[in-house]
Protein backbone atom coordinates (compact mmCIF):
# COMPACT_ATOMS: atom_id res chain seq x y z
CA MET A 1 0.00 0.00 0.00
CA LEU A 2 1.16 3.49 -0.85
CA ASN A 3 0.60 4.88 2.66
CA ASN A 4 2.95 2.20 4.03
CA ILE A 5 5.88 3.69 2.10
CA LEU A 6 7.97 5.99 4.26
CA LEU A 7 10.94 6.89 2.04
CA GLU A 8 11.44 6.62 -1.70
CA VAL A 9 14.91 7.26 -3.16
CA SER A 10 15.06 7.50 -6.96
CA ASN A 11 18.18 7.87 -9.12
CA LEU A 12 20.21 9.54 -6.38
CA ASN A 13 23.53 10.88 -7.65
CA VAL A 14 26.25 12.63 -5.63
CA SER A 15 29.46 14.13 -7.01
CA PHE A 16 32.25 16.17 -5.42
CA ARG A 17 34.37 18.84 -7.10
CA ASP A 18 37.91 19.48 -5.83
CA ASP A 19 39.82 22.78 -5.89
CA ASP A 20 41.23 21.96 -9.33
CA GLY A 21 37.76 21.48 -10.79
CA ASN A 22 37.99 17.69 -11.02
CA VAL A 23 34.67 15.90 -10.42
CA ARG A 24 34.33 12.57 -8.58
CA HIS A 25 31.03 10.68 -8.85
CA VAL A 26 30.67 8.85 -5.54
CA VAL A 27 26.98 7.83 -5.67
CA LYS A 28 25.48 6.69 -8.99
CA ASN A 29 21.77 6.17 -9.70
CA VAL A 30 20.89 4.72 -6.29
CA SER A 31 17.21 3.78 -5.92
CA TYR A 32 15.27 1.99 -3.19
CA THR A 33 12.03 2.19 -1.20
CA ILE A 34 11.66 1.78 2.57
CA GLN A 35 8.39 0.62 4.15
CA ARG A 36 7.31 1.76 7.62
CA GLY A 37 8.56 -0.51 10.38
CA THR A 38 11.15 -2.28 8.19
CA THR A 39 14.94 -2.27 8.19
CA LEU A 40 17.11 -1.79 5.12
CA GLY A 41 20.72 -2.89 5.58
CA ILE A 42 23.32 -1.17 3.40
CA VAL A 43 26.66 -2.97 3.17
CA GLY A 44 29.81 -2.35 1.20
CA GLU A 45 33.46 -1.48 1.57
CA SER A 46 34.76 1.74 3.05
CA GLY A 47 34.38 4.50 0.44
CA SER A 48 31.63 2.68 -1.49
CA GLY A 49 29.19 5.56 -0.96
CA LYS A 50 27.09 4.11 1.89
CA SER A 51 27.43 7.06 4.27
CA VAL A 52 27.46 9.74 1.55
CA SER A 53 24.16 8.52 0.10
CA THR A 54 22.44 8.75 3.49
CA MET A 55 24.03 12.11 4.31
CA ALA A 56 22.49 13.39 1.05
CA ILE A 57 19.10 12.26 2.37
CA MET A 58 19.73 14.19 5.61
CA GLY A 59 20.90 17.31 3.74
CA LEU A 60 24.30 17.21 5.44
CA LEU A 61 26.55 17.48 2.37
CA PRO A 62 28.33 20.72 1.33
CA PRO A 63 26.38 23.07 -0.96
CA PRO A 64 27.15 23.48 -4.69
CA PRO A 65 29.55 23.80 -6.43
CA LYS A 66 31.59 21.74 -3.93
CA CYS A 67 28.97 18.98 -3.98
CA GLU A 68 26.20 18.28 -6.49
CA VAL A 69 23.21 16.13 -5.53
CA SER A 70 20.54 15.08 -8.03
CA GLY A 71 17.63 12.67 -8.15
CA SER A 72 14.67 12.42 -5.82
CA VAL A 73 14.22 11.66 -2.11
CA ARG A 74 10.57 11.70 -1.01
CA LEU A 75 9.44 11.35 2.63
CA PHE A 76 5.82 10.22 3.08
CA ASP A 77 3.45 10.83 5.98
CA ALA A 78 0.76 8.38 7.17
CA ASP A 79 -1.78 9.82 4.68
CA GLY A 80 0.48 9.17 1.71
CA LYS A 81 1.44 12.81 1.21
CA SER A 82 5.12 13.39 0.48
CA VAL A 83 7.75 16.09 0.65
CA GLU A 84 10.76 16.26 -1.68
CA LEU A 85 13.71 16.50 0.74
CA LEU A 86 16.26 17.49 -1.90
CA SER A 87 14.25 20.63 -2.72
CA LEU A 88 14.31 21.94 0.87
CA ASP A 89 16.74 24.60 2.06
CA ASP A 90 18.62 24.13 5.34
CA LYS A 91 15.92 25.88 7.40
CA GLY A 92 13.21 23.72 5.87
CA MET A 93 15.25 20.56 6.41
CA CYS A 94 15.65 21.39 10.12
CA ARG A 95 11.93 20.68 10.63
CA TYR A 96 12.50 17.06 9.59
CA ARG A 97 16.10 16.43 10.64
CA GLY A 98 16.22 15.05 14.19
CA ASN A 99 12.42 15.01 14.40
CA ARG A 100 11.07 12.71 11.65
CA ILE A 101 14.52 11.53 10.49
CA SER A 102 17.39 10.96 12.92
CA MET A 103 20.93 9.80 12.31
CA ILE A 104 23.38 7.86 14.46
CA PHE A 105 26.84 8.82 13.22
CA GLN A 106 29.85 6.52 12.88
CA GLU A 107 32.28 8.51 15.04
CA PRO A 108 30.72 9.64 18.34
CA MET A 109 33.78 11.64 19.43
CA THR A 110 33.47 14.00 16.47
CA SER A 111 29.66 14.08 16.64
CA LEU A 112 29.45 15.13 20.29
CA ASN A 113 30.40 18.69 21.26
CA PRO A 114 33.44 18.44 23.57
CA VAL A 115 32.54 21.62 25.52
CA HIS A 116 29.01 20.53 26.48
CA LYS A 117 27.93 17.78 28.85
CA CYS A 118 26.52 14.63 27.24
CA GLY A 119 23.04 14.84 28.76
CA HIS A 120 22.68 18.52 27.92
CA GLN A 121 23.34 17.78 24.25
CA VAL A 122 20.50 15.23 24.16
CA VAL A 123 18.22 17.64 26.06
CA GLU A 124 18.98 20.31 23.44
CA MET A 125 17.77 17.98 20.68
CA LEU A 126 14.54 17.24 22.57
CA ARG A 127 13.75 20.87 23.45
CA LEU A 128 14.45 21.98 19.87
CA HIS A 129 11.50 19.93 18.62
CA GLU A 130 9.23 19.71 21.69
CA ASN A 131 7.95 22.36 24.11
CA VAL A 132 9.17 20.81 27.39
CA SER A 133 10.98 22.22 30.41
CA PHE A 134 14.61 21.40 31.10
CA GLN A 135 13.70 19.29 34.15
CA GLU A 136 11.14 17.25 32.21
CA ALA A 137 13.62 16.77 29.37
CA ARG A 138 16.31 15.74 31.86
CA THR A 139 14.04 13.06 33.35
CA ARG A 140 13.24 11.66 29.90
CA VAL A 141 16.88 11.65 28.82
CA ILE A 142 18.08 9.86 31.98
CA LYS A 143 15.36 7.23 31.44
CA LEU A 144 16.55 6.84 27.84
CA PHE A 145 20.18 6.53 29.04
CA GLU A 146 19.01 3.61 31.19
CA GLU A 147 17.29 2.04 28.15
CA VAL A 148 20.51 2.11 26.12
CA LEU A 149 22.36 0.55 29.06
CA LEU A 150 24.60 3.43 30.05
CA PRO A 151 26.12 2.77 33.51
CA ARG A 152 25.52 5.51 36.11
CA PRO A 153 23.11 7.44 33.78
CA GLU A 154 22.84 10.47 36.08
CA LYS A 155 26.63 10.69 36.31
CA ILE A 156 27.02 10.40 32.51
CA PHE A 157 24.29 13.03 32.03
CA ASP A 158 26.65 15.52 33.70
CA SER A 159 29.85 14.13 32.14
CA TYR A 160 31.76 15.58 29.20
CA PRO A 161 32.44 13.32 26.15
CA HIS A 162 36.13 12.91 27.01
CA GLU A 163 35.20 11.51 30.44
CA ILE A 164 33.45 8.39 29.10
CA SER A 165 34.58 5.44 26.95
CA GLY A 166 34.11 5.12 23.18
CA GLY A 167 31.29 2.62 23.55
CA GLN A 168 29.52 4.86 26.08
CA LYS A 169 29.80 7.84 23.71
CA GLN A 170 28.17 5.76 20.98
CA ARG A 171 25.27 4.90 23.29
CA VAL A 172 24.79 8.62 24.01
CA MET A 173 24.51 9.14 20.24
CA ILE A 174 21.92 6.35 19.99
CA ALA A 175 19.91 7.99 22.78
CA MET A 176 20.10 11.32 20.95
CA ALA A 177 18.71 9.74 17.77
CA LEU A 178 15.82 8.07 19.64
CA VAL A 179 14.83 10.96 21.91
CA CYS A 180 12.24 12.51 19.53
CA ASN A 181 10.67 9.18 18.45
CA PRO A 182 11.44 9.66 14.71
CA ASP A 183 9.78 7.84 11.79
CA LEU A 184 13.15 6.93 10.27
CA ILE A 185 16.52 6.30 11.88
CA ILE A 186 19.64 6.23 9.70
CA ALA A 187 22.20 4.25 11.68
CA ASP A 188 25.72 4.69 10.28
CA GLU A 189 27.84 1.93 11.90
CA PRO A 190 26.00 2.42 15.24
CA THR A 191 27.46 -0.65 16.97
CA THR A 192 31.05 -0.36 15.72
CA ALA A 193 32.43 0.82 19.08
CA LEU A 194 30.32 -1.56 21.18
CA ASP A 195 31.28 -4.94 22.60
CA VAL A 196 29.22 -7.96 21.52
CA THR A 197 26.97 -8.15 24.60
CA VAL A 198 26.01 -4.46 24.48
CA GLN A 199 25.76 -4.68 20.68
CA LYS A 200 23.27 -7.53 21.05
CA THR A 201 21.27 -5.52 23.58
CA ILE A 202 21.31 -2.37 21.43
CA LEU A 203 20.14 -4.33 18.37
CA GLU A 204 17.34 -5.85 20.46
CA LEU A 205 16.49 -2.36 21.78
CA LEU A 206 16.35 -0.85 18.28
CA HIS A 207 14.23 -3.79 17.13
CA SER A 208 11.76 -3.43 20.03
CA LEU A 209 11.50 0.37 19.58
CA GLN A 210 11.06 -0.16 15.87
CA LYS A 211 8.11 -2.52 16.43
CA LYS A 212 6.62 -0.39 19.20
CA HIS A 213 6.66 2.89 17.25
CA ASN A 214 6.63 1.46 13.68
CA ILE A 215 10.02 3.09 13.00
CA ALA A 216 11.91 2.40 9.77
CA VAL A 217 15.67 1.93 9.96
CA VAL A 218 18.45 2.30 7.41
CA PHE A 219 21.29 0.32 8.95
CA ILE A 220 24.78 0.87 7.51
CA THR A 221 27.44 -1.58 8.62
CA HIS A 222 30.41 -3.64 7.47
CA ASP A 223 29.45 -6.52 9.78
CA LEU A 224 27.28 -8.97 7.86
CA GLY A 225 26.63 -10.88 11.09
CA VAL A 226 24.92 -7.76 12.46
CA ILE A 227 22.97 -7.27 9.23
CA ALA A 228 21.72 -10.85 9.55
CA GLN A 229 20.26 -10.03 12.97
CA ILE A 230 18.35 -6.88 12.04
CA ALA A 231 17.72 -6.37 8.30
CA ASP A 232 14.61 -7.23 6.28
CA ASN A 233 16.22 -6.21 2.99
CA ILE A 234 19.86 -5.65 2.03
CA ALA A 235 21.45 -3.32 -0.54
CA VAL A 236 25.05 -4.11 -1.46
CA MET A 237 27.01 -1.06 -2.66
CA TYR A 238 30.19 -1.15 -4.72
CA HIS A 239 31.91 1.93 -6.20
CA GLY A 240 28.84 4.09 -5.56
CA GLU A 241 26.30 1.72 -7.12
CA ILE A 242 23.88 -0.85 -5.75
CA VAL A 243 25.13 -4.10 -7.30
CA GLU A 244 22.69 -6.41 -5.51
CA PHE A 245 19.39 -5.85 -3.73
CA GLY A 246 17.00 -8.33 -2.15
CA SER A 247 15.68 -9.90 1.00
CA ALA A 248 18.20 -10.54 3.77
CA ASP A 249 17.71 -14.31 3.46
CA ASN A 250 18.44 -14.35 -0.29
CA ILE A 251 21.45 -12.03 -0.10
CA LEU A 252 23.09 -13.86 2.81
CA HIS A 253 22.47 -17.42 1.66
CA CYS A 254 22.20 -17.19 -2.14
CA PRO A 255 24.37 -14.22 -3.23
CA GLU A 256 24.69 -13.73 -6.98
CA HIS A 257 27.22 -10.92 -7.44
CA PRO A 258 30.93 -11.82 -6.94
CA TYR A 259 31.34 -8.78 -4.69
CA THR A 260 28.62 -9.99 -2.31
CA LYS A 261 30.19 -13.45 -2.25
CA GLY A 262 33.53 -11.85 -1.39
CA LEU A 263 32.07 -9.82 1.49
CA LEU A 264 30.54 -12.95 3.00
CA ALA A 265 33.79 -14.92 2.67
CA CYS A 266 35.88 -12.18 4.32
CA ARG A 267 34.38 -12.73 7.77
CA PRO A 268 36.72 -14.56 10.19
CA PRO A 269 35.25 -18.03 10.86
CA LEU A 270 34.20 -18.99 14.38
CA ASP A 271 34.98 -22.69 14.04
CA SER A 272 38.62 -22.47 12.89
CA ARG A 273 41.73 -20.24 12.79
CA PRO A 274 42.99 -20.15 9.18
CA LYS A 275 46.41 -18.82 8.23
CA ARG A 276 44.90 -16.34 5.77
CA LEU A 277 41.49 -14.74 5.34
CA LEU A 278 39.88 -14.40 1.92
CA THR A 279 39.44 -10.88 0.54
CA VAL A 280 37.09 -9.35 -2.02
CA SER A 281 39.88 -9.28 -4.62
CA ASP A 282 39.94 -13.09 -4.51
CA PHE A 283 36.43 -13.03 -5.99
CA MET A 284 36.55 -9.90 -8.16
CA GLU A 285 39.76 -10.57 -10.09
CA GLU A 286 39.27 -12.45 -13.33
CA ASN A 287 40.72 -15.95 -13.75
CA ASN A 288 41.42 -16.17 -10.03
CA GLY A 289 41.13 -19.70 -8.71
CA ILE A 290 38.72 -19.48 -5.80
CA GLN A 291 39.25 -23.12 -4.89
CA SER A 292 42.99 -22.59 -4.45
CA GLN A 293 42.30 -19.52 -2.29
CA TYR A 294 40.10 -21.58 -0.02
CA SER A 295 42.79 -24.22 0.32
CA ASN A 296 45.36 -21.57 1.24
CA THR A 297 43.32 -20.60 4.30
CA THR A 298 43.82 -23.99 5.96
CA GLU A 299 47.63 -23.93 6.09
CA GLU A 300 49.31 -24.21 9.48
CA ARG A 301 50.84 -21.05 10.94
CA THR A 302 54.61 -21.25 10.84
CA ILE A 303 55.47 -18.86 13.67
CA LYS A 304 54.45 -19.87 17.18
CA PRO A 305 55.53 -18.12 20.39
CA ASP A 306 58.13 -19.79 22.58
CA TYR A 307 56.53 -19.98 26.01
CA ASP A 308 59.70 -21.49 27.47
CA SER A 309 61.68 -18.32 26.78
CA LYS A 310 61.78 -15.14 28.86
CA PRO A 311 58.69 -12.94 28.29
CA ILE A 312 59.20 -9.71 26.33
CA LEU A 313 56.54 -8.01 28.49
CA SER A 314 55.74 -8.71 32.10
CA VAL A 315 52.86 -7.01 33.94
CA LYS A 316 52.80 -7.52 37.72
CA ASN A 317 49.91 -6.55 40.03
CA LEU A 318 49.04 -3.52 37.90
CA SER A 319 46.26 -1.25 39.14
CA VAL A 320 44.92 2.05 37.79
CA THR A 321 42.38 4.06 39.79
CA TYR A 322 40.48 7.25 38.98
CA SER A 323 38.82 9.63 41.42
CA LEU A 324 35.08 9.91 40.78
CA LYS A 325 34.37 12.43 43.52
CA LYS A 326 36.57 14.70 45.60
CA SER A 327 35.94 16.87 48.62
CA PHE A 328 36.45 20.64 48.64
CA PHE A 329 39.99 20.07 49.93
CA GLY A 330 40.84 17.53 47.20
CA LYS A 331 40.41 14.34 49.23
CA THR A 332 39.11 11.40 47.18
CA LEU A 333 35.64 10.40 48.36
CA SER A 334 34.97 7.68 45.77
CA GLN A 335 37.12 6.07 43.09
CA LEU A 336 36.90 3.74 40.12
CA ASN A 337 39.28 0.77 39.87
CA ALA A 338 39.72 0.83 36.09
CA VAL A 339 42.46 -1.83 36.26
CA ASP A 340 42.43 -3.97 39.40
CA ASP A 341 45.55 -5.98 40.33
CA ILE A 342 46.24 -7.60 36.94
CA SER A 343 49.28 -9.78 36.21
CA PHE A 344 50.29 -11.55 32.98
CA ASP A 345 53.24 -12.17 30.63
CA VAL A 346 53.51 -11.71 26.87
CA TYR A 347 56.09 -13.67 24.87
CA LYS A 348 58.03 -12.61 21.77
CA GLY A 349 56.11 -13.39 18.60
CA GLU A 350 52.84 -13.86 20.48
CA THR A 351 49.50 -12.19 19.89
CA LEU A 352 47.58 -11.82 23.14
CA GLY A 353 43.90 -11.04 22.58
CA LEU A 354 42.22 -8.82 25.17
CA VAL A 355 38.43 -8.82 25.26
CA GLY A 356 35.70 -7.54 27.57
CA GLU A 357 32.77 -5.17 27.66
CA SER A 358 33.08 -1.44 27.06
CA GLY A 359 34.45 0.25 30.20
CA CYS A 360 36.03 -2.94 31.58
CA GLY A 361 39.52 -1.38 31.52
CA LYS A 362 40.97 -2.83 28.28
CA THR A 363 42.11 0.49 26.84
CA THR A 364 43.31 1.79 30.23
CA LEU A 365 45.42 -1.36 30.65
CA GLY A 366 46.98 -0.89 27.20
CA ARG A 367 47.84 2.74 27.91
CA ALA A 368 49.20 1.92 31.36
CA ILE A 369 51.55 -0.63 29.79
CA LEU A 370 52.95 2.12 27.54
CA GLN A 371 53.10 4.60 30.45
CA LEU A 372 50.54 6.86 28.79
CA VAL A 373 48.52 6.82 32.03
CA ASN A 374 49.93 6.52 35.53
CA SER A 375 49.42 3.30 37.44
CA SER A 376 48.38 3.34 41.09
CA SER A 377 50.41 0.23 41.96
CA GLY A 378 52.30 -2.62 40.34
CA ASN A 379 54.85 -2.41 37.56
CA VAL A 380 55.50 -3.14 33.87
CA GLU A 381 58.74 -4.66 32.54
CA PHE A 382 59.63 -4.57 28.84
CA ASP A 383 62.61 -6.63 27.73
CA GLY A 384 63.75 -6.80 31.36
CA LYS A 385 63.53 -3.03 31.95
CA ARG A 386 61.07 -1.65 34.49
CA LEU A 387 59.36 1.20 32.66
CA ASP A 388 58.43 3.35 35.67
CA SER A 389 62.11 3.57 36.66
CA LEU A 390 63.29 4.94 33.27
CA SER A 391 64.11 8.61 32.69
CA ARG A 392 62.07 10.59 30.15
CA LYS A 393 64.91 10.32 27.63
CA GLU A 394 65.23 6.55 28.10
CA LEU A 395 61.47 6.04 27.86
CA ARG A 396 61.29 8.20 24.73
CA GLN A 397 63.94 6.08 23.05
CA LEU A 398 62.19 2.89 24.11
CA ARG A 399 58.98 4.06 22.43
CA THR A 400 60.51 3.24 19.04
CA ARG A 401 60.11 -0.40 20.11
CA MET A 402 56.55 -0.02 21.44
CA GLN A 403 53.66 1.53 19.54
CA ILE A 404 49.88 1.80 19.86
CA ILE A 405 47.09 2.00 17.31
CA PHE A 406 44.37 4.09 18.96
CA GLN A 407 40.65 3.34 18.89
CA ASP A 408 39.44 6.64 17.40
CA PRO A 409 41.25 7.33 14.10
CA TYR A 410 39.91 10.86 13.73
CA SER A 411 41.01 12.28 17.07
CA SER A 412 44.42 10.57 16.88
CA LEU A 413 45.31 12.23 13.55
CA ASN A 414 46.42 15.87 13.30
CA PRO A 415 43.92 17.54 10.90
CA ARG A 416 46.65 19.94 9.72
CA LEU A 417 49.00 17.19 8.55
CA THR A 418 48.60 15.35 5.26
CA VAL A 419 48.51 11.57 5.26
CA GLY A 420 52.12 11.39 4.13
CA GLN A 421 53.26 13.81 6.84
CA ALA A 422 51.32 11.91 9.54
CA ILE A 423 52.79 8.53 8.61
CA MET A 424 56.29 10.01 8.19
CA GLU A 425 56.19 11.93 11.48
CA PRO A 426 57.72 9.10 13.61
CA LEU A 427 60.60 8.78 11.13
CA ASN A 428 61.22 12.54 11.30
CA THR A 429 60.98 12.58 15.11
CA TYR A 430 63.66 9.90 15.50
CA ARG A 431 65.64 11.07 12.41
CA ILE A 432 65.54 7.68 10.72
CA GLY A 433 66.79 7.61 7.12
CA LYS A 434 67.09 10.34 4.52
CA GLU A 435 64.13 12.22 3.04
CA GLU A 436 63.91 10.03 -0.08
CA GLU A 437 64.13 6.84 1.98
CA ARG A 438 61.38 8.05 4.32
CA GLN A 439 59.15 8.94 1.36
CA GLY A 440 59.69 5.53 -0.20
CA LYS A 441 58.94 3.72 3.05
CA VAL A 442 55.72 5.72 3.52
CA LEU A 443 54.50 4.91 0.00
CA GLU A 444 55.35 1.22 0.41
CA LEU A 445 53.51 0.95 3.73
CA MET A 446 50.48 2.86 2.40
CA GLU A 447 50.10 0.27 -0.35
CA ARG A 448 50.45 -2.61 2.10
CA VAL A 449 47.55 -1.35 4.26
CA GLY A 450 45.31 -0.65 1.24
CA LEU A 451 45.88 3.09 0.73
CA MET A 452 46.52 4.48 -2.76
CA PRO A 453 49.95 6.18 -3.12
CA GLU A 454 48.33 9.17 -4.87
CA TRP A 455 46.47 9.96 -1.62
CA ILE A 456 49.71 10.92 0.13
CA ASN A 457 48.96 14.67 0.02
CA ARG A 458 45.34 14.45 1.19
CA TYR A 459 44.18 15.48 4.67
CA PRO A 460 42.37 13.24 7.22
CA HIS A 461 38.95 14.88 6.65
CA GLU A 462 39.05 13.72 3.02
CA PHE A 463 38.94 10.05 4.04
CA SER A 464 36.25 7.75 5.34
CA GLY A 465 36.44 6.32 8.88
CA GLY A 466 37.88 3.04 7.68
CA GLN A 467 40.52 4.75 5.54
CA ARG A 468 41.58 6.92 8.49
CA GLN A 469 42.07 3.80 10.59
CA ARG A 470 44.40 2.39 7.94
CA ILE A 471 46.44 5.60 8.12
CA CYS A 472 46.83 5.12 11.89
CA ILE A 473 47.92 1.51 11.38
CA ALA A 474 50.54 2.57 8.86
CA ARG A 475 51.84 5.28 11.20
CA ALA A 476 52.21 2.78 14.07
CA LEU A 477 54.08 0.24 11.93
CA ILE A 478 56.45 2.68 10.20
CA LEU A 479 59.10 2.25 12.94
CA ASN A 480 58.96 -1.58 12.83
CA PRO A 481 58.23 -1.81 16.57
CA GLU A 482 58.66 -5.03 18.54
CA LEU A 483 55.44 -4.60 20.55
CA VAL A 484 52.25 -3.14 19.08
CA ILE A 485 49.12 -2.57 21.14
CA CYS A 486 46.15 -2.62 18.78
CA ASP A 487 43.27 -0.83 20.54
CA GLU A 488 40.21 -1.71 18.43
CA SER A 489 42.47 -1.23 15.40
CA VAL A 490 40.13 -2.91 12.89
CA SER A 491 36.76 -1.98 14.43
CA ALA A 492 36.18 0.87 11.94
CA LEU A 493 37.09 -1.21 8.89
CA ASP A 494 34.74 -3.00 6.54
CA VAL A 495 35.13 -6.77 6.41
CA SER A 496 37.26 -6.86 3.27
CA VAL A 497 39.78 -4.26 4.43
CA GLN A 498 39.65 -5.83 7.89
CA ALA A 499 40.66 -9.14 6.30
CA GLN A 500 43.50 -7.41 4.43
CA VAL A 501 44.78 -5.71 7.59
CA LEU A 502 44.51 -8.85 9.71
CA ASN A 503 46.38 -10.79 7.03
CA LEU A 504 48.96 -7.98 6.96
CA LEU A 505 49.40 -8.05 10.75
CA ASN A 506 49.94 -11.81 10.62
CA GLU A 507 52.38 -11.51 7.70
CA LEU A 508 54.39 -8.83 9.51
CA LYS A 509 54.35 -10.94 12.64
CA GLU A 510 55.87 -13.87 10.74
CA LEU A 511 58.39 -11.69 8.87
CA PHE A 512 59.57 -9.52 11.76
CA HIS A 513 58.49 -11.50 14.83
CA TYR A 514 56.24 -8.68 16.01
CA THR A 515 54.40 -9.08 19.30
CA TYR A 516 50.81 -7.83 19.58
CA ILE A 517 48.36 -7.10 22.33
CA PHE A 518 45.11 -7.09 20.37
CA ILE A 519 42.24 -5.29 22.10
CA SER A 520 38.85 -5.85 20.49
CA HIS A 521 35.18 -6.47 21.16
CA ASP A 522 34.91 -8.70 18.06
CA LEU A 523 35.62 -12.22 19.32
CA SER A 524 35.78 -13.75 15.84
CA VAL A 525 38.59 -11.33 14.97
CA VAL A 526 40.34 -11.96 18.30
CA ARG A 527 40.25 -15.70 17.74
CA PHE A 528 41.73 -15.38 14.24
CA VAL A 529 44.75 -13.30 15.32
CA SER A 530 45.38 -14.51 18.87
CA ASP A 531 47.53 -17.25 20.35
CA ARG A 532 46.03 -16.67 23.79
CA ILE A 533 42.97 -14.69 24.90
CA MET A 534 42.54 -12.73 28.12
CA VAL A 535 39.03 -11.80 29.28
CA MET A 536 38.49 -8.71 31.47
CA ARG A 537 35.45 -7.59 33.45
CA LYS A 538 35.17 -4.50 35.66
CA GLY A 539 38.94 -4.06 35.74
CA LYS A 540 39.71 -7.63 36.78
CA LEU A 541 41.18 -10.60 34.89
CA VAL A 542 38.36 -13.14 34.53
CA GLU A 543 39.93 -15.84 32.38
CA MET A 544 43.05 -16.44 30.30
CA ASP A 545 43.70 -19.43 28.04
CA ASP A 546 44.78 -20.66 24.63
CA ALA A 547 42.45 -19.16 21.98
CA ASP A 548 41.11 -22.50 20.71
CA ARG A 549 40.60 -23.91 24.19
CA LEU A 550 38.82 -20.78 25.41
CA PHE A 551 36.37 -20.85 22.48
CA ALA A 552 35.79 -24.60 22.80
CA ASN A 553 35.49 -24.73 26.59
CA PRO A 554 35.09 -21.37 28.36
CA LYS A 555 35.30 -21.77 32.13
CA ASP A 556 33.68 -18.54 33.34
CA ALA A 557 29.98 -17.75 32.83
CA TYR A 558 30.87 -14.22 31.67
CA THR A 559 33.06 -15.63 28.87
CA LYS A 560 30.20 -17.91 27.82
CA ASP A 561 27.88 -14.89 27.62
CA LEU A 562 30.39 -13.06 25.39
CA LEU A 563 30.61 -16.05 23.04
CA ASP A 564 26.83 -16.48 22.92
CA ALA A 565 26.40 -12.81 21.95
CA ILE A 566 28.53 -13.07 18.77
CA PRO A 567 26.29 -12.23 15.77
CA ARG A 568 26.06 -15.17 13.38
CA ILE A 569 24.62 -15.72 9.92
CA LYS A 570 22.15 -18.57 10.43
């Protein structure tokens, strides 16, 4: 029925013009219809046009001549009357944006205003569209914070974005999108920063709210396991075009386009740990023997850590505490034990996976190991040297052997430096090689992590979230460090690039005997890369075992819950 149609997109085209007048067509003749109460999943690689096409719907792209948008986007009401969104000016679009159409953005750190408290930003959205008092809005927002499973909702209401974890920031963004009960929610990678248990709960929450209020959802993600849980229909985008469209069941179980088949094959398996993951190029390249690629994935890994040798990293009784409340005179009244008396060893050539829910202390532990945050007690030894006893000069020199890939690629890149300058910066800092050698090494590493050499002079804002993460990976590896802490280093990547990067990390590990501490909420990824897995909960070490044994026979109930929450294609 016509009045059941909520959104109709017809022949949507988006092109960008650079300063030299060159035009790039990033979205080409995209068409689809969304019914009320249904979910459309949009999947595709980073840069395929998924986010740009939905930002055109929201009216969030730059005005001409920088960006040209053509086609038709019609939003229908319950009586079947429609409004052409592309014909509205910014003032006209504000009546619909946030009220009838809301968007959950991919990067919560850049979407939340750093100078305003989290709860106040959600209240602002509510009061903009509804005539309610601040106190009434505050009560509704705190209740919504509870619904999206934010811990200490009243505390987070009065917290600034930098005071909460990445997963908690994403849940604030989800609350902001839901606060006005919109007809359509565009969710751009909304569960990327969330661990599997919270992801499962958020998906169930979105599904229940969708059924309760008959909300339609456009769900953009690179995780086909997530799409399988939530989508009614799926659109597969490749180079700005929809190459396959159909019901979720048909797309996931009977894909026809080689690109769709490649996306499905890129996911790390849960029942094995292959040497190499398949990538989209294995399916898209002509005359490529798929059968031989499948056989390559079953080879044994040649490099295994020597657990009889001396550990390269030793963490002993490490604790990190933060003051939650202080008296007028500065005395701590309450504190949070972010890391609580943790001890473990990491051996040369090993990959230690570190998993746990958002806020469990994974990132804090990684930063404490590198002395980026101060520990309250305990110590860290790297290659026999106790790090807290080193001088600033000694620690600075030691950092060439230890690197970290941060969780948020946007905030960890300097917006004033080009990609080439950002990746080359560590080489310049430590004066390694001549200018030509540095340039060559940067270009070589960019290619290895899936970045085009001609992008070397672009700035971070010109890249998608996944591409920015690859820049951060290249910057961390440019010094050939011995220990790399990967803090959600592939969480922002689509499955194909994720497979490439994971294969790259394993190849570099075998070539250079790198040692990794791999922090992630994606247990399928952790199993693929890890020799051992460590599970954390509320700052404590819950369980630690060989990766295969932990998946096959988890001892702790919390670990079992994490494994049960992994999204699967049934």
